[in-house]
Amino acid sequence: MSIAIGALVAAKELDREHLAFLKQMGCETVGITFWETLGETDLIALAELVNEAGLPVSALSVWGNPLANPSTAEGWKTLIRHASLFGSPFVTGFAGRVPNASVEESIPAWKDLFSDLLEEAYRCDCKGLLMENCRMGDVWKRGKWNIAINDDAWTLLFSNLDDERLGLEWEPCHQVEAFVDPLDQLRRWLPSIKHIHGKDACVDWTRLKTFGLYAKQKAITTTLPGLGDTDWKALCTVLQNSGYEGSIDLETEGSSFFDDPPSKTQALSYLRSCRS
């Protein structure tokens, strides 16, 4: 079994030229993303375009707070209803958060929404709903975006709503940023992790020890796979030994996936070498 290696790309960037370029770069899947709202996107036309390119869609994602932004919550529902047009992708995003509330205080609202979303997923035969674990600056006691931020939060979420179609979208970058061992966490949560973002981070320990975590001079830098602190070959081995059947989609910083193509091509090549 081979892990698919692909790219995470904003829906607004997907056209015939860019899809052809993704295939030329060696991408085997594509994760399609939206920020907070789907806007005026014609999902039927987008699905036809992607299917015509012959690039399997691993995930449809809307990044925003579905517990505070009705457009984001509606985006989840719309993607669930249209997922079958794109093959069999997961629908993913942040779990959301009651603004300025703690993780525990947000659970009732989260459970109400995701219970409804899961009902819709079953009704539409959607493969599954995955919660991404980017903190967006949130902490346990307060925040504005997401409560699915760490092990304790995941345990609380799944203890309140345990469903085979509810899982995690994961990446080592956020764990490195939180000083969590990514591989240990991956092993703990393998049954729930269904889709992975290819993004890493690097800790400058000298700078961290000199200036601390909250200084102006940042000690942690997000980066592409192969340039950070994660052992991606070991990560792929853990996935392969577990029977993981998903993809790793390269996620990049900046406004466009297609900025600096050589660095993206190198990162994709590195990920492919790690799975062999």
C-alpha atoms as a PDB file:
ATOM      1  CA  MET A   1       0.000   0.000   0.000  1.00  0.00           C
ATOM      2  CA  SER A   2       1.400   3.365  -1.029  1.00  0.00           C
ATOM      3  CA  ILE A   3       0.519   6.664   0.624  1.00  0.00           C
ATOM      4  CA  ALA A   4      -0.677   9.188  -1.950  1.00  0.00           C
ATOM      5  CA  ILE A   5       1.278  12.444  -2.113  1.00  0.00           C
ATOM      6  CA  GLY A   6      -0.555  15.563  -3.227  1.00  0.00           C
ATOM      7  CA  ALA A   7      -1.154  19.271  -2.718  1.00  0.00           C
ATOM      8  CA  LEU A   8      -3.462  21.493  -0.695  1.00  0.00           C
ATOM      9  CA  VAL A   9      -4.732  24.252  -2.990  1.00  0.00           C
ATOM     10  CA  ALA A  10      -7.269  27.072  -2.655  1.00  0.00           C
ATOM     11  CA  ALA A  11     -10.341  26.537  -4.816  1.00  0.00           C
ATOM     12  CA  LYS A  12      -9.903  29.977  -6.376  1.00  0.00           C
ATOM     13  CA  GLU A  13      -6.546  28.869  -7.828  1.00  0.00           C
ATOM     14  CA  LEU A  14      -7.817  25.757  -9.556  1.00  0.00           C
ATOM     15  CA  ASP A  15      -8.033  26.091 -13.311  1.00  0.00           C
ATOM     16  CA  ARG A  16      -6.968  23.818 -16.168  1.00  0.00           C
ATOM     17  CA  GLU A  17      -3.464  25.256 -16.292  1.00  0.00           C
ATOM     18  CA  HIS A  18      -2.833  24.875 -12.574  1.00  0.00           C
ATOM     19  CA  LEU A  19      -4.335  21.386 -12.439  1.00  0.00           C
ATOM     20  CA  ALA A  20      -2.079  20.314 -15.314  1.00  0.00           C
ATOM     21  CA  PHE A  21       0.887  21.830 -13.471  1.00  0.00           C
ATOM     22  CA  LEU A  22       0.020  19.896 -10.301  1.00  0.00           C
ATOM     23  CA  LYS A  23       0.111  16.656 -12.285  1.00  0.00           C
ATOM     24  CA  GLN A  24       3.376  17.714 -13.890  1.00  0.00           C
ATOM     25  CA  MET A  25       4.810  18.241 -10.383  1.00  0.00           C
ATOM     26  CA  GLY A  26       3.886  14.654  -9.562  1.00  0.00           C
ATOM     27  CA  CYS A  27       0.830  15.304  -7.401  1.00  0.00           C
ATOM     28  CA  GLU A  28      -1.369  12.250  -6.982  1.00  0.00           C
ATOM     29  CA  THR A  29      -4.184  13.961  -5.057  1.00  0.00           C
ATOM     30  CA  VAL A  30      -5.451  17.452  -4.377  1.00  0.00           C
ATOM     31  CA  GLY A  31      -7.113  18.892  -1.284  1.00  0.00           C
ATOM     32  CA  ILE A  32      -9.386  21.816  -2.154  1.00  0.00           C
ATOM     33  CA  THR A  33      -9.697  24.637   0.375  1.00  0.00           C
ATOM     34  CA  PHE A  34     -11.915  27.641   1.077  1.00  0.00           C
ATOM     35  CA  TRP A  35     -11.446  30.456   3.590  1.00  0.00           C
ATOM     36  CA  GLU A  36     -14.489  30.988   5.865  1.00  0.00           C
ATOM     37  CA  THR A  37     -17.046  30.862   3.047  1.00  0.00           C
ATOM     38  CA  LEU A  38     -17.568  29.124  -0.289  1.00  0.00           C
ATOM     39  CA  GLY A  39     -18.563  32.464  -1.787  1.00  0.00           C
ATOM     40  CA  GLU A  40     -19.986  32.212  -5.285  1.00  0.00           C
ATOM     41  CA  THR A  41     -18.073  29.042  -6.176  1.00  0.00           C
ATOM     42  CA  ASP A  42     -19.909  26.802  -8.629  1.00  0.00           C
ATOM     43  CA  LEU A  43     -19.116  23.413  -7.093  1.00  0.00           C
ATOM     44  CA  ILE A  44     -20.625  21.485  -9.992  1.00  0.00           C
ATOM     45  CA  ALA A  45     -18.359  23.266 -12.481  1.00  0.00           C
ATOM     46  CA  LEU A  46     -15.360  22.897 -10.159  1.00  0.00           C
ATOM     47  CA  ALA A  47     -15.978  19.163  -9.819  1.00  0.00           C
ATOM     48  CA  GLU A  48     -16.207  18.771 -13.592  1.00  0.00           C
ATOM     49  CA  LEU A  49     -12.925  20.656 -13.998  1.00  0.00           C
ATOM     50  CA  VAL A  50     -11.051  18.565 -11.433  1.00  0.00           C
ATOM     51  CA  ASN A  51     -12.509  15.276 -12.643  1.00  0.00           C
ATOM     52  CA  GLU A  52     -11.540  16.168 -16.202  1.00  0.00           C
ATOM     53  CA  ALA A  53      -7.956  16.657 -15.017  1.00  0.00           C
ATOM     54  CA  GLY A  54      -7.933  13.159 -13.525  1.00  0.00           C
ATOM     55  CA  LEU A  55      -6.616  14.282 -10.149  1.00  0.00           C
ATOM     56  CA  PRO A  56      -8.370  12.553  -7.201  1.00  0.00           C
ATOM     57  CA  VAL A  57      -9.712  14.900  -4.519  1.00  0.00           C
ATOM     58  CA  SER A  58      -8.635  13.870  -1.020  1.00  0.00           C
ATOM     59  CA  ALA A  59     -10.479  16.548   0.956  1.00  0.00           C
ATOM     60  CA  LEU A  60     -12.820  19.510   0.645  1.00  0.00           C
ATOM     61  CA  SER A  61     -12.033  22.018   3.392  1.00  0.00           C
ATOM     62  CA  VAL A  62     -13.513  25.247   4.692  1.00  0.00           C
ATOM     63  CA  TRP A  63     -11.338  27.110   7.205  1.00  0.00           C
ATOM     64  CA  GLY A  64     -13.291  29.255   9.630  1.00  0.00           C
ATOM     65  CA  ASN A  65     -15.253  29.103  12.878  1.00  0.00           C
ATOM     66  CA  PRO A  66     -18.534  27.265  12.218  1.00  0.00           C
ATOM     67  CA  LEU A  67     -19.742  28.026  15.760  1.00  0.00           C
ATOM     68  CA  ALA A  68     -19.499  31.785  15.177  1.00  0.00           C
ATOM     69  CA  ASN A  69     -19.768  32.282  11.420  1.00  0.00           C
ATOM     70  CA  PRO A  70     -22.990  31.029   9.764  1.00  0.00           C
ATOM     71  CA  SER A  71     -21.283  31.141   6.351  1.00  0.00           C
ATOM     72  CA  THR A  72     -18.650  28.682   7.547  1.00  0.00           C
ATOM     73  CA  ALA A  73     -21.255  26.334   9.041  1.00  0.00           C
ATOM     74  CA  GLU A  74     -23.235  26.506   5.802  1.00  0.00           C
ATOM     75  CA  GLY A  75     -20.001  25.849   3.912  1.00  0.00           C
ATOM     76  CA  TRP A  76     -19.581  22.562   5.799  1.00  0.00           C
ATOM     77  CA  LYS A  77     -23.132  21.531   4.884  1.00  0.00           C
ATOM     78  CA  THR A  78     -22.763  22.510   1.244  1.00  0.00           C
ATOM     79  CA  LEU A  79     -19.486  20.619   0.855  1.00  0.00           C
ATOM     80  CA  ILE A  80     -21.049  17.538   2.458  1.00  0.00           C
ATOM     81  CA  ARG A  81     -23.954  17.680   0.005  1.00  0.00           C
ATOM     82  CA  HIS A  82     -21.658  18.066  -2.998  1.00  0.00           C
ATOM     83  CA  ALA A  83     -18.797  15.786  -1.908  1.00  0.00           C
ATOM     84  CA  SER A  84     -19.920  12.895  -4.113  1.00  0.00           C
ATOM     85  CA  LEU A  85     -19.338  15.047  -7.205  1.00  0.00           C
ATOM     86  CA  PHE A  86     -15.623  15.005  -6.365  1.00  0.00           C
ATOM     87  CA  GLY A  87     -15.330  11.247  -5.863  1.00  0.00           C
ATOM     88  CA  SER A  88     -14.987  10.229  -2.231  1.00  0.00           C
ATOM     89  CA  PRO A  89     -13.251  13.057  -0.341  1.00  0.00           C
ATOM     90  CA  PHE A  90     -13.389  13.902   3.332  1.00  0.00           C
ATOM     91  CA  VAL A  91     -14.977  17.201   4.327  1.00  0.00           C
ATOM     92  CA  THR A  92     -12.734  19.021   6.773  1.00  0.00           C
ATOM     93  CA  GLY A  93     -12.189  22.220   8.736  1.00  0.00           C
ATOM     94  CA  PHE A  94     -11.878  23.627  12.233  1.00  0.00           C
ATOM     95  CA  ALA A  95     -14.131  22.266  14.966  1.00  0.00           C
ATOM     96  CA  GLY A  96     -15.016  25.860  15.788  1.00  0.00           C
ATOM     97  CA  ARG A  97     -15.274  27.613  19.119  1.00  0.00           C
ATOM     98  CA  VAL A  98     -17.689  29.776  21.059  1.00  0.00           C
ATOM     99  CA  PRO A  99     -15.728  33.067  20.891  1.00  0.00           C
ATOM    100  CA  ASN A 100     -13.613  33.721  23.996  1.00  0.00           C
ATOM    101  CA  ALA A 101     -14.926  30.553  25.671  1.00  0.00           C
ATOM    102  CA  SER A 102     -12.895  27.612  26.959  1.00  0.00           C
ATOM    103  CA  VAL A 103     -12.760  24.242  25.275  1.00  0.00           C
ATOM    104  CA  GLU A 104     -15.224  22.778  27.801  1.00  0.00           C
ATOM    105  CA  GLU A 105     -17.626  25.713  27.475  1.00  0.00           C
ATOM    106  CA  SER A 106     -17.708  25.278  23.691  1.00  0.00           C
ATOM    107  CA  ILE A 107     -18.511  21.559  23.730  1.00  0.00           C
ATOM    108  CA  PRO A 108     -22.359  21.797  23.846  1.00  0.00           C
ATOM    109  CA  ALA A 109     -22.538  24.116  20.816  1.00  0.00           C
ATOM    110  CA  TRP A 110     -19.954  22.023  18.970  1.00  0.00           C
ATOM    111  CA  LYS A 111     -21.851  18.803  19.683  1.00  0.00           C
ATOM    112  CA  ASP A 112     -25.136  20.273  18.437  1.00  0.00           C
ATOM    113  CA  LEU A 113     -23.584  21.428  15.168  1.00  0.00           C
ATOM    114  CA  PHE A 114     -21.493  18.351  14.452  1.00  0.00           C
ATOM    115  CA  SER A 115     -24.354  16.005  15.297  1.00  0.00           C
ATOM    116  CA  ASP A 116     -26.328  17.775  12.570  1.00  0.00           C
ATOM    117  CA  LEU A 117     -23.359  17.670  10.186  1.00  0.00           C
ATOM    118  CA  LEU A 118     -22.910  13.945  10.779  1.00  0.00           C
ATOM    119  CA  GLU A 119     -26.589  13.336  10.051  1.00  0.00           C
ATOM    120  CA  GLU A 120     -26.101  15.187   6.774  1.00  0.00           C
ATOM    121  CA  ALA A 121     -22.949  13.165   6.063  1.00  0.00           C
ATOM    122  CA  TYR A 122     -24.838   9.892   6.453  1.00  0.00           C
ATOM    123  CA  ARG A 123     -27.742  11.195   4.395  1.00  0.00           C
ATOM    124  CA  CYS A 124     -25.387  12.180   1.568  1.00  0.00           C
ATOM    125  CA  ASP A 125     -23.066   9.171   2.000  1.00  0.00           C
ATOM    126  CA  CYS A 126     -20.125  11.492   2.671  1.00  0.00           C
ATOM    127  CA  LYS A 127     -16.941   9.590   3.532  1.00  0.00           C
ATOM    128  CA  GLY A 128     -16.329  11.447   6.797  1.00  0.00           C
ATOM    129  CA  LEU A 129     -15.853  14.729   8.636  1.00  0.00           C
ATOM    130  CA  LEU A 130     -12.384  15.620   9.895  1.00  0.00           C
ATOM    131  CA  MET A 131     -11.315  18.300  12.370  1.00  0.00           C
ATOM    132  CA  GLU A 132      -8.018  20.070  11.692  1.00  0.00           C
ATOM    133  CA  ASN A 133      -5.914  20.932  14.720  1.00  0.00           C
ATOM    134  CA  CYS A 134      -4.425  24.342  13.918  1.00  0.00           C
ATOM    135  CA  ARG A 135      -4.679  26.498  17.064  1.00  0.00           C
ATOM    136  CA  MET A 136      -4.965  29.801  15.178  1.00  0.00           C
ATOM    137  CA  GLY A 137      -3.535  31.319  18.365  1.00  0.00           C
ATOM    138  CA  ASP A 138      -6.198  29.736  20.584  1.00  0.00           C
ATOM    139  CA  VAL A 139      -5.428  28.218  23.987  1.00  0.00           C
ATOM    140  CA  TRP A 140      -7.463  25.961  26.270  1.00  0.00           C
ATOM    141  CA  LYS A 141      -9.189  28.728  28.233  1.00  0.00           C
ATOM    142  CA  ARG A 142      -9.980  31.125  25.413  1.00  0.00           C
ATOM    143  CA  GLY A 143      -9.854  31.633  21.676  1.00  0.00           C
ATOM    144  CA  LYS A 144     -11.742  32.570  18.528  1.00  0.00           C
ATOM    145  CA  TRP A 145     -11.374  29.694  16.086  1.00  0.00           C
ATOM    146  CA  ASN A 146     -10.910  26.097  17.130  1.00  0.00           C
ATOM    147  CA  ILE A 147     -11.209  23.753  20.111  1.00  0.00           C
ATOM    148  CA  ALA A 148      -9.700  20.653  18.439  1.00  0.00           C
ATOM    149  CA  ILE A 149      -6.196  21.748  19.386  1.00  0.00           C
ATOM    150  CA  ASN A 150      -4.518  18.930  21.354  1.00  0.00           C
ATOM    151  CA  ASP A 151      -4.794  15.464  22.901  1.00  0.00           C
ATOM    152  CA  ASP A 152      -6.949  16.537  25.840  1.00  0.00           C
ATOM    153  CA  ALA A 153      -9.344  18.386  23.560  1.00  0.00           C
ATOM    154  CA  TRP A 154      -9.615  15.426  21.176  1.00  0.00           C
ATOM    155  CA  THR A 155     -10.343  13.075  24.066  1.00  0.00           C
ATOM    156  CA  LEU A 156     -13.102  15.410  25.243  1.00  0.00           C
ATOM    157  CA  LEU A 157     -14.559  15.808  21.757  1.00  0.00           C
ATOM    158  CA  PHE A 158     -14.686  12.100  20.965  1.00  0.00           C
ATOM    159  CA  SER A 159     -16.060  11.258  24.416  1.00  0.00           C
ATOM    160  CA  ASN A 160     -18.979  13.581  23.666  1.00  0.00           C
ATOM    161  CA  LEU A 161     -19.523  12.508  20.075  1.00  0.00           C
ATOM    162  CA  ASP A 162     -18.098   9.147  19.061  1.00  0.00           C
ATOM    163  CA  ASP A 163     -18.880   8.297  15.454  1.00  0.00           C
ATOM    164  CA  GLU A 164     -17.006   6.284  12.853  1.00  0.00           C
ATOM    165  CA  ARG A 165     -17.341   9.135  10.342  1.00  0.00           C
ATOM    166  CA  LEU A 166     -15.813  11.724  12.675  1.00  0.00           C
ATOM    167  CA  GLY A 167     -12.034  11.967  12.732  1.00  0.00           C
ATOM    168  CA  LEU A 168      -8.939  14.146  12.607  1.00  0.00           C
ATOM    169  CA  GLU A 169      -7.003  15.971   9.930  1.00  0.00           C
ATOM    170  CA  TRP A 170      -3.455  16.145  11.266  1.00  0.00           C
ATOM    171  CA  GLU A 171      -0.013  17.521  10.549  1.00  0.00           C
ATOM    172  CA  PRO A 172       3.298  17.457  12.441  1.00  0.00           C
ATOM    173  CA  CYS A 173       3.832  21.213  12.109  1.00  0.00           C
ATOM    174  CA  HIS A 174       1.345  22.088  14.851  1.00  0.00           C
ATOM    175  CA  GLN A 175       2.868  19.496  17.168  1.00  0.00           C
ATOM    176  CA  VAL A 176       6.412  20.806  16.710  1.00  0.00           C
ATOM    177  CA  GLU A 177       5.081  24.301  17.442  1.00  0.00           C
ATOM    178  CA  ALA A 178       3.551  22.965  20.683  1.00  0.00           C
ATOM    179  CA  PHE A 179       6.679  20.956  21.646  1.00  0.00           C
ATOM    180  CA  VAL A 180       4.761  17.682  21.250  1.00  0.00           C
ATOM    181  CA  ASP A 181       6.546  14.697  19.701  1.00  0.00           C
ATOM    182  CA  PRO A 182       4.665  14.286  16.383  1.00  0.00           C
ATOM    183  CA  LEU A 183       5.400  10.585  15.971  1.00  0.00           C
ATOM    184  CA  ASP A 184       4.294   9.698  19.491  1.00  0.00           C
ATOM    185  CA  GLN A 185       1.062  11.627  19.010  1.00  0.00           C
ATOM    186  CA  LEU A 186       0.518  10.045  15.602  1.00  0.00           C
ATOM    187  CA  ARG A 187       0.801   6.573  17.127  1.00  0.00           C
ATOM    188  CA  ARG A 188      -1.697   7.503  19.870  1.00  0.00           C
ATOM    189  CA  TRP A 189      -4.315   8.771  17.446  1.00  0.00           C
ATOM    190  CA  LEU A 190      -3.804   6.625  14.347  1.00  0.00           C
ATOM    191  CA  PRO A 191      -7.367   5.234  14.294  1.00  0.00           C
ATOM    192  CA  SER A 192      -8.796   8.772  14.144  1.00  0.00           C
ATOM    193  CA  ILE A 193      -6.317  10.359  11.701  1.00  0.00           C
ATOM    194  CA  LYS A 194      -7.640  10.069   8.153  1.00  0.00           C
ATOM    195  CA  HIS A 195      -5.904  12.877   6.248  1.00  0.00           C
ATOM    196  CA  ILE A 196      -2.520  14.524   6.701  1.00  0.00           C
ATOM    197  CA  HIS A 197      -1.157  17.913   5.691  1.00  0.00           C
ATOM    198  CA  GLY A 198       2.446  17.994   4.565  1.00  0.00           C
ATOM    199  CA  LYS A 199       3.756  20.912   6.597  1.00  0.00           C
ATOM    200  CA  ASP A 200       6.557  21.060   9.147  1.00  0.00           C
ATOM    201  CA  ALA A 201       8.172  23.449  11.616  1.00  0.00           C
ATOM    202  CA  CYS A 202      11.656  24.084  12.927  1.00  0.00           C
ATOM    203  CA  VAL A 203      12.580  25.153  16.466  1.00  0.00           C
ATOM    204  CA  ASP A 204      15.626  27.388  16.920  1.00  0.00           C
ATOM    205  CA  TRP A 205      16.539  26.211  20.407  1.00  0.00           C
ATOM    206  CA  THR A 206      19.266  28.811  20.899  1.00  0.00           C
ATOM    207  CA  ARG A 207      16.860  31.633  20.125  1.00  0.00           C
ATOM    208  CA  LEU A 208      14.155  30.017  22.258  1.00  0.00           C
ATOM    209  CA  LYS A 209      16.453  29.725  25.275  1.00  0.00           C
ATOM    210  CA  THR A 210      17.668  33.287  24.776  1.00  0.00           C
ATOM    211  CA  PHE A 211      14.441  35.164  24.064  1.00  0.00           C
ATOM    212  CA  GLY A 212      11.676  32.775  25.137  1.00  0.00           C
ATOM    213  CA  LEU A 213       8.506  31.668  23.414  1.00  0.00           C
ATOM    214  CA  TYR A 214       6.615  34.981  23.324  1.00  0.00           C
ATOM    215  CA  ALA A 215       9.365  37.349  22.216  1.00  0.00           C
ATOM    216  CA  LYS A 216       9.340  39.468  19.068  1.00  0.00           C
ATOM    217  CA  GLN A 217      12.098  37.275  17.649  1.00  0.00           C
ATOM    218  CA  LYS A 218      10.260  34.063  16.862  1.00  0.00           C
ATOM    219  CA  ALA A 219      12.009  30.818  17.707  1.00  0.00           C
ATOM    220  CA  ILE A 220       9.682  28.577  15.674  1.00  0.00           C
ATOM    221  CA  THR A 221       9.404  28.709  11.891  1.00  0.00           C
ATOM    222  CA  THR A 222       6.922  26.819   9.735  1.00  0.00           C
ATOM    223  CA  THR A 223       8.495  25.161   6.741  1.00  0.00           C
ATOM    224  CA  LEU A 224       8.114  22.544   4.044  1.00  0.00           C
ATOM    225  CA  PRO A 225       8.727  18.838   4.687  1.00  0.00           C
ATOM    226  CA  GLY A 226      12.419  18.066   4.525  1.00  0.00           C
ATOM    227  CA  LEU A 227      13.412  21.390   6.055  1.00  0.00           C
ATOM    228  CA  GLY A 228      11.926  21.010   9.543  1.00  0.00           C
ATOM    229  CA  ASP A 229      12.275  18.893  12.653  1.00  0.00           C
ATOM    230  CA  THR A 230      10.018  15.981  11.678  1.00  0.00           C
ATOM    231  CA  ASP A 231      11.394  12.637  10.496  1.00  0.00           C
ATOM    232  CA  TRP A 232       8.992  12.124   7.598  1.00  0.00           C
ATOM    233  CA  LYS A 233      10.410   8.743   6.633  1.00  0.00           C
ATOM    234  CA  ALA A 234       9.668   7.473  10.148  1.00  0.00           C
ATOM    235  CA  LEU A 235       6.241   9.119   9.938  1.00  0.00           C
ATOM    236  CA  CYS A 236       5.466   7.325   6.676  1.00  0.00           C
ATOM    237  CA  THR A 237       6.662   4.040   8.160  1.00  0.00           C
ATOM    238  CA  VAL A 238       4.228   4.451  11.069  1.00  0.00           C
ATOM    239  CA  LEU A 239       1.413   5.130   8.599  1.00  0.00           C
ATOM    240  CA  GLN A 240       2.287   2.219   6.331  1.00  0.00           C
ATOM    241  CA  ASN A 241       2.602  -0.226   9.218  1.00  0.00           C
ATOM    242  CA  SER A 242      -0.844   0.829  10.436  1.00  0.00           C
ATOM    243  CA  GLY A 243      -2.508   0.329   7.057  1.00  0.00           C
ATOM    244  CA  TYR A 244      -3.177   4.039   6.528  1.00  0.00           C
ATOM    245  CA  GLU A 245      -5.101   4.526   3.291  1.00  0.00           C
ATOM    246  CA  GLY A 246      -5.079   8.301   2.963  1.00  0.00           C
ATOM    247  CA  SER A 247      -2.858  10.935   1.466  1.00  0.00           C
ATOM    248  CA  ILE A 248      -0.322  13.510   2.570  1.00  0.00           C
ATOM    249  CA  ASP A 249      -1.124  16.798   0.851  1.00  0.00           C
ATOM    250  CA  LEU A 250       1.620  19.413   0.810  1.00  0.00           C
ATOM    251  CA  GLU A 251       0.552  22.613   2.568  1.00  0.00           C
ATOM    252  CA  THR A 252       2.481  25.818   2.062  1.00  0.00           C
ATOM    253  CA  GLU A 253       2.681  29.252   3.622  1.00  0.00           C
ATOM    254  CA  GLY A 254       1.838  32.325   1.585  1.00  0.00           C
ATOM    255  CA  SER A 255      -0.979  33.426  -0.641  1.00  0.00           C
ATOM    256  CA  SER A 256      -0.500  30.859  -3.403  1.00  0.00           C
ATOM    257  CA  PHE A 257       0.597  27.247  -3.659  1.00  0.00           C
ATOM    258  CA  PHE A 258       2.127  28.118  -7.013  1.00  0.00           C
ATOM    259  CA  ASP A 259       4.636  30.655  -5.698  1.00  0.00           C
ATOM    260  CA  ASP A 260       8.213  29.330  -5.855  1.00  0.00           C
ATOM    261  CA  PRO A 261       7.453  26.110  -7.787  1.00  0.00           C
ATOM    262  CA  PRO A 262      10.973  24.631  -7.358  1.00  0.00           C
ATOM    263  CA  SER A 263      10.628  24.497  -3.565  1.00  0.00           C
ATOM    264  CA  LYS A 264       7.218  22.800  -3.837  1.00  0.00           C
ATOM    265  CA  THR A 265       8.528  20.304  -6.385  1.00  0.00           C
ATOM    266  CA  GLN A 266      11.464  19.502  -4.103  1.00  0.00           C
ATOM    267  CA  ALA A 267       9.160  19.002  -1.096  1.00  0.00           C
ATOM    268  CA  LEU A 268       6.860  16.711  -3.077  1.00  0.00           C
ATOM    269  CA  SER A 269       9.842  14.690  -4.283  1.00  0.00           C
ATOM    270  CA  TYR A 270      11.092  14.431  -0.704  1.00  0.00           C
ATOM    271  CA  LEU A 271       7.722  13.149   0.533  1.00  0.00           C
ATOM    272  CA  ARG A 272       7.606  10.546  -2.231  1.00  0.00           C
ATOM    273  CA  SER A 273      11.072   9.344  -1.232  1.00  0.00           C
ATOM    274  CA  CYS A 274       9.961   9.038   2.401  1.00  0.00           C
ATOM    275  CA  ARG A 275       7.129   6.650   1.603  1.00  0.00           C
ATOM    276  CA  SER A 276       9.320   4.234  -0.352  1.00  0.00           C
END
